Amino acid sequence: MTHDKGWFDLARQRLPGGDWVCYEIFEGDQAAAAPMPVVRKTAKRPAPALLQKARELLNQGYVEAAANYVRQAFESGLRAACELKSIKLPYKQDLTDHKAQDLLTALKSWPGNPPTVRKTDWDAALNQLQLLKDVVMNPYSHPSAPNIPRQEVVNAADAVETFLDLVRKK
C-alpha cells in the first residue's frame, strides 16, 4: 500500500502476470459521519486499459472525455516505452516531472530492433504521435477545448494503439 500516486503507478507497471490485482482506494462521501472508502480495481498495465476506456467513451458519444483518456494512454505508453526500451532520461526526483514532449523526443533515439520493429515504423509512429499530441491530445485535454471532431480523436486513439503495439514487440 502507498499514498504516493507516482510510486503506485510505477509498481503497477512492474507487476508480473498471474494472480496479482491492483486496487485504488479513495475516501468516499465527504458528508458521511465516518470515512467510507471507495475501492476501485485498476488495470496492471494502464495504457491499454486507458485506451480501451477512450474507445468505450467514443462509442457512447463522449468525445471530450475520450480525448482525455487517449491523452492519458499516450502519456502512460510513453513512460512504459522509455522503460522497456531502456531510454536514458535526465534524473528527476519525481518521475512525473518528465513532460510528454521530453519522453517523445528521447524515444526518437531508439534504433529499433529489426525485424520485429523497424526504425522507419518506429519513427513514423512517433511522428504521428507528435502531430496528434499537438493538434488533438493537448488542446482537447483542457477545459476550453474547441469543438472536437470525433474522427480526430479516433485517429489519435489509433495512433496510440499502433505505438503501443510497437512498444510491446521485442
N, C-alpha and C. Protein backbone atom coordinates (compact mmCIF):
# COMPACT_ATOMS: atom_id res chain seq x y z
N MET A 1 0.85 -1.18 0.00
CA MET A 1 0.00 0.00 0.00
C MET A 1 0.88 1.23 0.00
N THR A 2 0.38 2.27 -0.65
CA THR A 2 1.11 3.52 -0.69
C THR A 2 0.14 4.69 -0.82
N HIS A 3 0.57 5.83 -0.38
CA HIS A 3 -0.18 7.07 -0.58
C HIS A 3 0.38 7.85 -1.76
N ASP A 4 1.50 7.39 -2.29
CA ASP A 4 2.21 8.10 -3.35
C ASP A 4 1.74 7.61 -4.72
N LYS A 5 1.03 8.46 -5.46
CA LYS A 5 0.46 8.07 -6.76
C LYS A 5 1.57 7.68 -7.75
N GLY A 6 2.67 8.40 -7.76
CA GLY A 6 3.78 8.07 -8.67
C GLY A 6 4.34 6.68 -8.40
N TRP A 7 4.52 6.36 -7.13
CA TRP A 7 5.02 5.04 -6.75
C TRP A 7 4.01 3.96 -7.11
N PHE A 8 2.73 4.24 -6.86
CA PHE A 8 1.68 3.29 -7.21
C PHE A 8 1.72 2.97 -8.70
N ASP A 9 1.81 4.01 -9.55
CA ASP A 9 1.84 3.80 -10.99
C ASP A 9 3.07 3.00 -11.41
N LEU A 10 4.21 3.30 -10.81
CA LEU A 10 5.44 2.57 -11.13
C LEU A 10 5.33 1.11 -10.72
N ALA A 11 4.86 0.86 -9.51
CA ALA A 11 4.72 -0.52 -9.03
C ALA A 11 3.71 -1.28 -9.86
N ARG A 12 2.63 -0.63 -10.22
CA ARG A 12 1.58 -1.28 -11.00
C ARG A 12 2.12 -1.73 -12.36
N GLN A 13 2.95 -0.91 -12.98
CA GLN A 13 3.51 -1.28 -14.29
C GLN A 13 4.48 -2.44 -14.20
N ARG A 14 5.09 -2.64 -13.05
CA ARG A 14 6.10 -3.68 -12.90
C ARG A 14 5.57 -5.01 -12.37
N LEU A 15 4.28 -5.07 -12.10
CA LEU A 15 3.72 -6.31 -11.58
C LEU A 15 3.85 -7.44 -12.61
N PRO A 16 4.20 -8.62 -12.13
CA PRO A 16 4.25 -9.75 -13.05
C PRO A 16 2.83 -10.20 -13.42
N GLY A 17 2.74 -11.07 -14.40
CA GLY A 17 1.44 -11.64 -14.76
C GLY A 17 0.95 -12.53 -13.64
N GLY A 18 -0.13 -13.18 -13.87
CA GLY A 18 -0.64 -14.10 -12.86
C GLY A 18 -1.80 -13.51 -12.08
N ASP A 19 -1.83 -13.83 -10.79
CA ASP A 19 -2.98 -13.51 -9.96
C ASP A 19 -2.92 -12.14 -9.29
N TRP A 20 -1.92 -11.31 -9.59
CA TRP A 20 -1.83 -10.01 -8.96
C TRP A 20 -2.98 -9.11 -9.42
N VAL A 21 -3.51 -8.32 -8.49
CA VAL A 21 -4.60 -7.39 -8.77
C VAL A 21 -4.26 -6.05 -8.12
N CYS A 22 -4.59 -4.95 -8.80
CA CYS A 22 -4.35 -3.62 -8.25
C CYS A 22 -5.67 -2.96 -7.88
N TYR A 23 -5.65 -2.25 -6.77
CA TYR A 23 -6.83 -1.51 -6.33
C TYR A 23 -6.41 -0.10 -5.95
N GLU A 24 -7.26 0.85 -6.24
CA GLU A 24 -7.09 2.21 -5.74
C GLU A 24 -8.17 2.42 -4.70
N ILE A 25 -7.81 3.05 -3.60
CA ILE A 25 -8.76 3.31 -2.53
C ILE A 25 -8.86 4.81 -2.35
N PHE A 26 -10.08 5.31 -2.41
CA PHE A 26 -10.35 6.74 -2.26
C PHE A 26 -11.27 6.95 -1.08
N GLU A 27 -11.18 8.13 -0.47
CA GLU A 27 -12.15 8.48 0.56
C GLU A 27 -13.45 8.80 -0.13
N GLY A 28 -14.52 8.21 0.35
CA GLY A 28 -15.82 8.37 -0.29
C GLY A 28 -16.52 9.64 0.10
N ASP A 29 -17.76 9.54 0.39
CA ASP A 29 -18.65 10.65 0.68
C ASP A 29 -18.10 11.53 1.80
N GLN A 30 -17.78 12.77 1.49
CA GLN A 30 -17.23 13.70 2.48
C GLN A 30 -18.27 14.05 3.55
N ALA A 31 -19.54 13.93 3.22
CA ALA A 31 -20.60 14.30 4.16
C ALA A 31 -20.95 13.16 5.13
N ALA A 32 -20.37 12.00 4.93
CA ALA A 32 -20.67 10.85 5.79
C ALA A 32 -20.14 11.09 7.20
N ALA A 33 -20.78 10.45 8.18
CA ALA A 33 -20.36 10.59 9.57
C ALA A 33 -18.97 10.00 9.81
N ALA A 34 -18.61 8.98 9.05
CA ALA A 34 -17.29 8.36 9.17
C ALA A 34 -16.75 8.17 7.76
N PRO A 35 -15.42 8.18 7.62
CA PRO A 35 -14.86 7.99 6.27
C PRO A 35 -15.30 6.65 5.68
N MET A 36 -15.75 6.69 4.44
CA MET A 36 -16.20 5.49 3.74
C MET A 36 -15.30 5.30 2.53
N PRO A 37 -14.48 4.27 2.52
CA PRO A 37 -13.58 4.09 1.40
C PRO A 37 -14.32 3.65 0.13
N VAL A 38 -13.81 4.12 -0.99
CA VAL A 38 -14.28 3.69 -2.30
C VAL A 38 -13.14 2.89 -2.89
N VAL A 39 -13.37 1.63 -3.20
CA VAL A 39 -12.34 0.75 -3.72
C VAL A 39 -12.61 0.51 -5.20
N ARG A 40 -11.60 0.74 -6.03
CA ARG A 40 -11.76 0.57 -7.47
C ARG A 40 -10.62 -0.30 -8.00
N LYS A 41 -10.97 -1.39 -8.65
CA LYS A 41 -9.97 -2.25 -9.27
C LYS A 41 -9.41 -1.52 -10.49
N THR A 42 -8.08 -1.58 -10.67
CA THR A 42 -7.45 -0.93 -11.80
C THR A 42 -6.63 -1.93 -12.60
N ALA A 43 -6.34 -1.57 -13.82
CA ALA A 43 -5.53 -2.44 -14.68
C ALA A 43 -4.07 -2.43 -14.25
N LYS A 44 -3.40 -3.56 -14.43
CA LYS A 44 -1.98 -3.62 -14.11
C LYS A 44 -1.15 -2.86 -15.13
N ARG A 45 -1.57 -2.85 -16.35
CA ARG A 45 -0.87 -2.14 -17.42
C ARG A 45 -1.78 -1.01 -17.88
N PRO A 46 -1.56 0.20 -17.39
CA PRO A 46 -2.56 1.25 -17.57
C PRO A 46 -2.80 1.74 -18.99
N ALA A 47 -1.79 1.83 -19.85
CA ALA A 47 -2.01 2.43 -21.17
C ALA A 47 -3.08 1.69 -21.98
N PRO A 48 -3.01 0.37 -22.12
CA PRO A 48 -4.06 -0.30 -22.89
C PRO A 48 -5.44 -0.15 -22.26
N ALA A 49 -5.52 -0.17 -20.93
CA ALA A 49 -6.81 -0.01 -20.26
C ALA A 49 -7.37 1.39 -20.48
N LEU A 50 -6.52 2.40 -20.45
CA LEU A 50 -6.96 3.77 -20.70
C LEU A 50 -7.45 3.93 -22.14
N LEU A 51 -6.75 3.31 -23.06
CA LEU A 51 -7.15 3.38 -24.46
C LEU A 51 -8.48 2.67 -24.68
N GLN A 52 -8.68 1.56 -24.02
CA GLN A 52 -9.96 0.84 -24.11
C GLN A 52 -11.09 1.71 -23.57
N LYS A 53 -10.83 2.39 -22.46
CA LYS A 53 -11.85 3.29 -21.88
C LYS A 53 -12.16 4.43 -22.86
N ALA A 54 -11.14 4.95 -23.54
CA ALA A 54 -11.35 6.01 -24.53
C ALA A 54 -12.26 5.54 -25.65
N ARG A 55 -12.03 4.32 -26.11
CA ARG A 55 -12.86 3.78 -27.20
C ARG A 55 -14.31 3.56 -26.73
N GLU A 56 -14.47 3.11 -25.49
CA GLU A 56 -15.83 2.95 -24.94
C GLU A 56 -16.54 4.30 -24.89
N LEU A 57 -15.85 5.32 -24.45
CA LEU A 57 -16.45 6.66 -24.37
C LEU A 57 -16.78 7.21 -25.76
N LEU A 58 -15.92 6.92 -26.73
CA LEU A 58 -16.22 7.34 -28.11
C LEU A 58 -17.50 6.69 -28.60
N ASN A 59 -17.64 5.40 -28.32
CA ASN A 59 -18.85 4.68 -28.75
C ASN A 59 -20.11 5.20 -28.07
N GLN A 60 -19.95 5.78 -26.89
CA GLN A 60 -21.09 6.34 -26.16
C GLN A 60 -21.34 7.81 -26.50
N GLY A 61 -20.47 8.38 -27.33
CA GLY A 61 -20.65 9.77 -27.76
C GLY A 61 -19.98 10.81 -26.88
N TYR A 62 -19.16 10.40 -25.94
CA TYR A 62 -18.46 11.33 -25.06
C TYR A 62 -17.07 11.63 -25.63
N VAL A 63 -17.05 12.46 -26.65
CA VAL A 63 -15.81 12.71 -27.40
C VAL A 63 -14.77 13.42 -26.55
N GLU A 64 -15.15 14.44 -25.80
CA GLU A 64 -14.19 15.17 -24.98
C GLU A 64 -13.55 14.26 -23.92
N ALA A 65 -14.36 13.46 -23.26
CA ALA A 65 -13.83 12.54 -22.26
C ALA A 65 -12.91 11.51 -22.92
N ALA A 66 -13.30 11.04 -24.09
CA ALA A 66 -12.48 10.08 -24.83
C ALA A 66 -11.12 10.69 -25.17
N ALA A 67 -11.13 11.95 -25.60
CA ALA A 67 -9.87 12.63 -25.94
C ALA A 67 -8.95 12.67 -24.73
N ASN A 68 -9.51 12.91 -23.57
CA ASN A 68 -8.70 12.96 -22.36
C ASN A 68 -8.11 11.59 -22.04
N TYR A 69 -8.88 10.53 -22.21
CA TYR A 69 -8.37 9.18 -21.96
C TYR A 69 -7.31 8.79 -22.99
N VAL A 70 -7.46 9.23 -24.23
CA VAL A 70 -6.42 8.96 -25.24
C VAL A 70 -5.13 9.63 -24.81
N ARG A 71 -5.23 10.86 -24.33
CA ARG A 71 -4.04 11.58 -23.86
C ARG A 71 -3.38 10.83 -22.70
N GLN A 72 -4.17 10.34 -21.77
CA GLN A 72 -3.61 9.60 -20.64
C GLN A 72 -2.93 8.30 -21.11
N ALA A 73 -3.56 7.61 -22.06
CA ALA A 73 -2.96 6.38 -22.60
C ALA A 73 -1.65 6.69 -23.30
N PHE A 74 -1.63 7.79 -24.05
CA PHE A 74 -0.43 8.25 -24.75
C PHE A 74 0.71 8.48 -23.75
N GLU A 75 0.44 9.24 -22.70
CA GLU A 75 1.49 9.57 -21.74
C GLU A 75 1.95 8.33 -20.96
N SER A 76 1.01 7.48 -20.58
CA SER A 76 1.38 6.24 -19.89
C SER A 76 2.20 5.35 -20.81
N GLY A 77 1.82 5.28 -22.07
CA GLY A 77 2.56 4.48 -23.05
C GLY A 77 3.97 5.01 -23.27
N LEU A 78 4.13 6.33 -23.28
CA LEU A 78 5.47 6.91 -23.43
C LEU A 78 6.36 6.51 -22.27
N ARG A 79 5.82 6.57 -21.06
CA ARG A 79 6.62 6.21 -19.88
C ARG A 79 7.01 4.72 -19.92
N ALA A 80 6.05 3.88 -20.28
CA ALA A 80 6.35 2.45 -20.38
C ALA A 80 7.37 2.17 -21.47
N ALA A 81 7.24 2.87 -22.60
CA ALA A 81 8.17 2.67 -23.71
C ALA A 81 9.59 3.06 -23.32
N CYS A 82 9.73 4.17 -22.62
CA CYS A 82 11.07 4.60 -22.19
C CYS A 82 11.71 3.55 -21.29
N GLU A 83 10.91 2.94 -20.44
CA GLU A 83 11.44 1.91 -19.55
C GLU A 83 11.78 0.64 -20.33
N LEU A 84 10.85 0.17 -21.14
CA LEU A 84 11.06 -1.08 -21.88
C LEU A 84 12.19 -0.99 -22.89
N LYS A 85 12.38 0.18 -23.45
CA LYS A 85 13.43 0.36 -24.47
C LYS A 85 14.72 0.92 -23.87
N SER A 86 14.78 1.00 -22.52
CA SER A 86 15.97 1.48 -21.79
C SER A 86 16.43 2.85 -22.28
N ILE A 87 15.49 3.78 -22.42
CA ILE A 87 15.80 5.13 -22.86
C ILE A 87 16.33 5.92 -21.67
N LYS A 88 17.47 6.56 -21.85
CA LYS A 88 18.07 7.35 -20.78
C LYS A 88 17.44 8.74 -20.77
N LEU A 89 17.05 9.15 -19.58
CA LEU A 89 16.44 10.46 -19.36
C LEU A 89 17.19 11.18 -18.26
N PRO A 90 17.15 12.51 -18.27
CA PRO A 90 17.77 13.25 -17.16
C PRO A 90 17.11 12.87 -15.85
N TYR A 91 17.90 12.84 -14.79
CA TYR A 91 17.36 12.47 -13.48
C TYR A 91 16.37 13.53 -13.00
N LYS A 92 15.25 13.06 -12.49
CA LYS A 92 14.27 13.92 -11.82
C LYS A 92 13.77 13.12 -10.63
N GLN A 93 13.73 13.74 -9.48
CA GLN A 93 13.30 13.04 -8.28
C GLN A 93 11.88 12.54 -8.42
N ASP A 94 11.01 13.37 -8.98
CA ASP A 94 9.63 12.96 -9.23
C ASP A 94 9.53 12.55 -10.70
N LEU A 95 9.33 11.27 -10.94
CA LEU A 95 9.29 10.75 -12.31
C LEU A 95 8.20 11.40 -13.15
N THR A 96 7.17 11.91 -12.51
CA THR A 96 6.09 12.52 -13.27
C THR A 96 6.47 13.92 -13.78
N ASP A 97 7.64 14.42 -13.39
CA ASP A 97 8.10 15.72 -13.89
C ASP A 97 8.57 15.65 -15.33
N HIS A 98 8.78 14.44 -15.85
CA HIS A 98 9.15 14.31 -17.27
C HIS A 98 7.91 14.61 -18.10
N LYS A 99 7.99 15.65 -18.92
CA LYS A 99 6.87 16.03 -19.77
C LYS A 99 6.76 15.07 -20.96
N ALA A 100 5.57 14.98 -21.52
CA ALA A 100 5.34 14.09 -22.65
C ALA A 100 6.30 14.40 -23.80
N GLN A 101 6.54 15.67 -24.07
CA GLN A 101 7.44 16.03 -25.17
C GLN A 101 8.86 15.55 -24.90
N ASP A 102 9.31 15.62 -23.64
CA ASP A 102 10.65 15.13 -23.29
C ASP A 102 10.76 13.63 -23.58
N LEU A 103 9.74 12.89 -23.20
CA LEU A 103 9.74 11.44 -23.42
C LEU A 103 9.68 11.11 -24.91
N LEU A 104 8.84 11.82 -25.63
CA LEU A 104 8.70 11.60 -27.07
C LEU A 104 10.02 11.88 -27.79
N THR A 105 10.66 12.96 -27.42
CA THR A 105 11.96 13.31 -28.03
C THR A 105 13.00 12.25 -27.71
N ALA A 106 13.04 11.80 -26.47
CA ALA A 106 14.03 10.78 -26.07
C ALA A 106 13.80 9.47 -26.80
N LEU A 107 12.55 9.11 -27.04
CA LEU A 107 12.24 7.85 -27.73
C LEU A 107 12.71 7.85 -29.19
N LYS A 108 12.91 9.01 -29.75
CA LYS A 108 13.39 9.09 -31.14
C LYS A 108 14.80 8.53 -31.28
N SER A 109 15.52 8.43 -30.17
CA SER A 109 16.88 7.90 -30.22
C SER A 109 16.92 6.37 -30.27
N TRP A 110 15.79 5.72 -30.00
CA TRP A 110 15.81 4.25 -30.00
C TRP A 110 16.02 3.76 -31.43
N PRO A 111 16.97 2.87 -31.65
CA PRO A 111 17.33 2.46 -33.00
C PRO A 111 16.40 1.42 -33.64
N GLY A 112 15.40 0.98 -32.91
CA GLY A 112 14.56 -0.09 -33.43
C GLY A 112 15.18 -1.44 -33.12
N ASN A 113 14.51 -2.49 -33.57
CA ASN A 113 15.01 -3.84 -33.32
C ASN A 113 14.57 -4.72 -34.48
N PRO A 114 15.24 -4.58 -35.64
CA PRO A 114 14.83 -5.38 -36.80
C PRO A 114 14.94 -6.86 -36.48
N PRO A 115 14.09 -7.71 -37.00
CA PRO A 115 12.99 -7.41 -37.91
C PRO A 115 11.67 -7.11 -37.19
N THR A 116 11.62 -7.22 -35.85
CA THR A 116 10.33 -7.04 -35.16
C THR A 116 9.87 -5.58 -35.17
N VAL A 117 10.78 -4.64 -34.98
CA VAL A 117 10.43 -3.22 -35.01
C VAL A 117 11.47 -2.50 -35.87
N ARG A 118 11.04 -2.13 -37.07
CA ARG A 118 11.94 -1.39 -37.95
C ARG A 118 11.99 0.07 -37.52
N LYS A 119 13.15 0.68 -37.67
CA LYS A 119 13.33 2.09 -37.30
C LYS A 119 12.35 2.98 -38.07
N THR A 120 12.09 2.67 -39.31
CA THR A 120 11.17 3.51 -40.10
C THR A 120 9.75 3.45 -39.53
N ASP A 121 9.31 2.27 -39.08
CA ASP A 121 7.99 2.14 -38.46
C ASP A 121 7.93 2.90 -37.14
N TRP A 122 9.01 2.78 -36.36
CA TRP A 122 9.10 3.46 -35.07
C TRP A 122 9.03 4.98 -35.27
N ASP A 123 9.84 5.48 -36.20
CA ASP A 123 9.86 6.93 -36.45
C ASP A 123 8.51 7.42 -36.97
N ALA A 124 7.87 6.64 -37.83
CA ALA A 124 6.56 7.04 -38.37
C ALA A 124 5.53 7.12 -37.24
N ALA A 125 5.56 6.15 -36.32
CA ALA A 125 4.61 6.15 -35.20
C ALA A 125 4.86 7.36 -34.30
N LEU A 126 6.13 7.66 -34.02
CA LEU A 126 6.44 8.81 -33.17
C LEU A 126 6.07 10.13 -33.84
N ASN A 127 6.30 10.24 -35.14
CA ASN A 127 5.92 11.46 -35.86
C ASN A 127 4.41 11.66 -35.86
N GLN A 128 3.67 10.57 -36.02
CA GLN A 128 2.21 10.66 -35.98
C GLN A 128 1.74 11.08 -34.58
N LEU A 129 2.37 10.52 -33.55
CA LEU A 129 2.02 10.91 -32.18
C LEU A 129 2.34 12.37 -31.92
N GLN A 130 3.47 12.83 -32.44
CA GLN A 130 3.85 14.24 -32.26
C GLN A 130 2.78 15.16 -32.84
N LEU A 131 2.36 14.86 -34.05
CA LEU A 131 1.34 15.67 -34.70
C LEU A 131 0.03 15.64 -33.90
N LEU A 132 -0.40 14.45 -33.54
CA LEU A 132 -1.68 14.32 -32.84
C LEU A 132 -1.61 14.85 -31.41
N LYS A 133 -0.43 14.82 -30.80
CA LYS A 133 -0.27 15.42 -29.48
C LYS A 133 -0.52 16.92 -29.56
N ASP A 134 0.06 17.54 -30.56
CA ASP A 134 -0.06 19.00 -30.71
C ASP A 134 -1.43 19.44 -31.20
N VAL A 135 -2.05 18.64 -32.07
CA VAL A 135 -3.29 19.06 -32.72
C VAL A 135 -4.54 18.54 -32.02
N VAL A 136 -4.46 17.36 -31.42
CA VAL A 136 -5.65 16.74 -30.83
C VAL A 136 -5.52 16.59 -29.31
N MET A 137 -4.53 15.83 -28.89
CA MET A 137 -4.49 15.43 -27.48
C MET A 137 -4.24 16.59 -26.52
N ASN A 138 -3.34 17.49 -26.86
CA ASN A 138 -3.07 18.60 -25.94
C ASN A 138 -4.23 19.59 -25.89
N PRO A 139 -4.68 20.14 -27.03
CA PRO A 139 -5.77 21.12 -26.93
C PRO A 139 -7.07 20.54 -26.39
N TYR A 140 -7.34 19.28 -26.68
CA TYR A 140 -8.63 18.70 -26.29
C TYR A 140 -8.63 18.16 -24.87
N SER A 141 -7.51 18.30 -24.17
CA SER A 141 -7.46 17.86 -22.78
C SER A 141 -7.57 19.03 -21.81
N HIS A 142 -8.02 20.17 -22.31
CA HIS A 142 -8.16 21.36 -21.48
C HIS A 142 -9.61 21.82 -21.47
N PRO A 143 -10.00 22.55 -20.42
CA PRO A 143 -11.41 22.94 -20.30
C PRO A 143 -11.93 23.81 -21.44
N SER A 144 -11.07 24.58 -22.06
CA SER A 144 -11.51 25.46 -23.15
C SER A 144 -11.30 24.81 -24.51
N ALA A 145 -11.45 23.50 -24.58
CA ALA A 145 -11.21 22.76 -25.82
C ALA A 145 -12.17 23.23 -26.91
N PRO A 146 -11.66 23.29 -28.13
CA PRO A 146 -12.54 23.63 -29.24
C PRO A 146 -13.51 22.48 -29.51
N ASN A 147 -14.45 22.70 -30.42
CA ASN A 147 -15.36 21.62 -30.81
C ASN A 147 -14.50 20.47 -31.33
N ILE A 148 -14.68 19.31 -30.77
CA ILE A 148 -13.79 18.19 -31.06
C ILE A 148 -14.39 17.29 -32.13
N PRO A 149 -13.76 17.24 -33.31
CA PRO A 149 -14.23 16.28 -34.31
C PRO A 149 -13.94 14.85 -33.84
N ARG A 150 -14.95 14.04 -33.83
CA ARG A 150 -14.83 12.67 -33.36
C ARG A 150 -13.73 11.93 -34.10
N GLN A 151 -13.64 12.11 -35.41
CA GLN A 151 -12.66 11.38 -36.21
C GLN A 151 -11.23 11.69 -35.79
N GLU A 152 -10.97 12.90 -35.36
CA GLU A 152 -9.62 13.24 -34.90
C GLU A 152 -9.26 12.46 -33.64
N VAL A 153 -10.22 12.29 -32.76
CA VAL A 153 -9.97 11.51 -31.54
C VAL A 153 -9.79 10.04 -31.90
N VAL A 154 -10.57 9.54 -32.85
CA VAL A 154 -10.41 8.17 -33.32
C VAL A 154 -9.01 7.99 -33.91
N ASN A 155 -8.56 8.95 -34.72
CA ASN A 155 -7.22 8.88 -35.32
C ASN A 155 -6.14 8.87 -34.24
N ALA A 156 -6.33 9.69 -33.20
CA ALA A 156 -5.36 9.74 -32.11
C ALA A 156 -5.33 8.39 -31.37
N ALA A 157 -6.51 7.83 -31.12
CA ALA A 157 -6.57 6.52 -30.44
C ALA A 157 -5.88 5.45 -31.29
N ASP A 158 -6.10 5.47 -32.59
CA ASP A 158 -5.47 4.50 -33.49
C ASP A 158 -3.94 4.66 -33.46
N ALA A 159 -3.47 5.90 -33.46
CA ALA A 159 -2.03 6.15 -33.44
C ALA A 159 -1.41 5.67 -32.13
N VAL A 160 -2.09 5.89 -31.03
CA VAL A 160 -1.59 5.41 -29.73
C VAL A 160 -1.57 3.89 -29.73
N GLU A 161 -2.60 3.27 -30.28
CA GLU A 161 -2.64 1.80 -30.33
C GLU A 161 -1.50 1.24 -31.18
N THR A 162 -1.24 1.85 -32.31
CA THR A 162 -0.12 1.44 -33.17
C THR A 162 1.20 1.55 -32.41
N PHE A 163 1.37 2.65 -31.70
CA PHE A 163 2.58 2.86 -30.91
C PHE A 163 2.71 1.79 -29.82
N LEU A 164 1.63 1.54 -29.10
CA LEU A 164 1.69 0.53 -28.03
C LEU A 164 2.02 -0.85 -28.58
N ASP A 165 1.51 -1.16 -29.77
CA ASP A 165 1.84 -2.45 -30.41
C ASP A 165 3.34 -2.54 -30.69
N LEU A 166 3.93 -1.44 -31.15
CA LEU A 166 5.37 -1.43 -31.42
C LEU A 166 6.18 -1.53 -30.12
N VAL A 167 5.70 -0.90 -29.08
CA VAL A 167 6.40 -0.94 -27.80
C VAL A 167 6.45 -2.36 -27.26
N ARG A 168 5.38 -3.12 -27.42
CA ARG A 168 5.32 -4.48 -26.88
C ARG A 168 6.22 -5.46 -27.63
N LYS A 169 6.54 -5.11 -28.87
CA LYS A 169 7.41 -6.02 -29.64
C LYS A 169 8.84 -5.94 -29.12
N LYS A 170 9.47 -7.07 -29.07
CA LYS A 170 10.85 -7.12 -28.56
C LYS A 170 11.85 -6.77 -29.64
